[in-house]
Amino acid sequence: MALPTALYSTAQVRALDAHAIGELGISGYTLMKRAGEAALRYLRSQWPKAHRIVIVCGSGNNGGDGYVLARFAQAAGLAVSVLAAAAPDQLRGDARQAYEDYAASGGTVRAFAAEQLAAGEVIVDALLGTGLSGQVRDTLLPVIRAINAARRPVFALDVPSGLDGDAGTVLGEAIRAEATVTFVGLKTGLFVGDGPEFAGTVSFDDLELPAPELAPRLTRIVETEIPAALPRRPRTSNKGDFGRVLIVGGGLGMPGAARLAGEACLRVGAGLVTVAVAPENIAAIAAGRPELICVAVSGEGPLAEALERADIVAVGPGLGRSSWARNAFKAVLGCGKPLVVDADALNLLAEGGATAREDWILTPHPGEAGRLLGVSAQDIQRDRLGALERLLERFHGTVVLKGAGTLVGARGRTPGICGRGNPGMATAGTGDVLTGTIAGILAQCRDAWAAARTGVLVHAMAGDAAARAGERGVLASDLVRELHHCVNL
């Protein structure tokens, strides 16, 4: 089943379960059997040649899912070993029924022992799922560690045990799964924080329940948004139809950042792109990318003229924090044009403050976000959704909180999350490419929300394309070369 775009909290998914049981008349055990059936389908799809599986079951409903999976897998001809991390007599309700049906079908259960994990070609994590309300108990820490050390692929049911299903944080220790199947609704924690690292490939099954009517906590940014923001061009188009963008940056000794942003802006389809930089940088930029219009900023006049001609202004790439940079930033803030604000412009904003406004897109990484809010980057990473909300409350507009699982937010809108991208993009200049990408799309669609979401996705897709031959050694300019393909899907 294709992944939905909506992501929910674990409390919301529990409410959907309760609604199905109480209002739709579907028993909890019926849902558990559907989960076991779905788990078997996805396990066999992910590892079609695996014949021996080891299922590690806990004491709650996640363990019940594991016992159901064990019964169905055994009936399908797989060699199944069930290891109980909690004695079966601790099971209650539907989980107890699942165990009894497995035992009645001839299934056997052994107490968990680390050496028995080697019997499986795949290990199934049915320990905790979303049933964790605090740090992992000491009795289960050795179980999780043994599974992670077993050197076998791990398939997690619902949520990798030890991972917070809402925040994506590790609660002491967590299962590092190669794949996870989740049920009823996609859990936010699989996609934020450490979630992607621990969940692996995420599959979804709705257990035949109707689509939720609850407002999601997040929405995934998907490829269909690209043609919506960048529709097919009429044959009678001219460059003036696709926006005039001004990139303000490139302080002394920093021509590369402004050039990367400017070239990215062109590659996503902006009609005319100008870079306003320190005079010393003009030759380097013009020689390397002649399609960019270059303006030397040595006083107020040239910048004021460039600002007047622009439809969209991006500020920050290579800007620096000199008096030259501060004067340029002040002029940009007063120009009355829609803005994309990044890099040193964000640091200057953090230093001097500014009145909140609706017509800008801020694109901080965790360090810059921390400076804007007066906290550490670690504080931002511990609660990225909360940080996004505080940035919007303080600065308004549209905010792109960069990082693994980049978030896009605006007041009154459900935040978006990008699941694309890779660690190879953690290199100098990729943020400048994102600035130009968003500015170039904004110049064409004139919708900050659409430009931010689409820009983040296109940038991440370009990063994935650039890393096809390997993540190590990817350059920001490699992303620029891929942008043209990504905006023409």
Foldseek 3Di string as FASTA:
>chain_A
DDAAFFAAAPVVLVVLVCCCVPPVVDPPLLLLLLLLVVLLVVVCVVPVPWQEEEEEAAAESLSLSSLSVQQVSVVVRGHYAYEYLDDLVSHDDSSVVSNVVSVVSVDDYHHDDLVVRLRGLEYEYSHAAQNDDAADDPSCPVVQVSQQVNPHAYEYEAAWPQAHQAALDGRHGTAQHQAYEHEQGHGNNCQAFCNCRRHHHYHYDNSPRDRDPDDGQATAQDLVLLCVLVPDDDPPDALVLQFEEEEEAAEPPQLPLQLLLQLLLVLLPHSAYEYEYAPVNVVVNCVVDVRYHYHHDPDDPRLLVSLVPGQEYEYAGNHDDDPSSVVSLVCVVPSPHQYEYEHVSLVVCLVPPDQADARYEYEYELQSLCSNVVHHSVVCSSHVPVSLVVCCVRRAHWYWHDDQFIWIDHPPDNIYTYNAADPLCPDPNLVSSLSSQLRSSCSNRVDNRSSNSNSVRLSRVLRVVQQPVHSPPRDSVSSSVSSNVSSVD
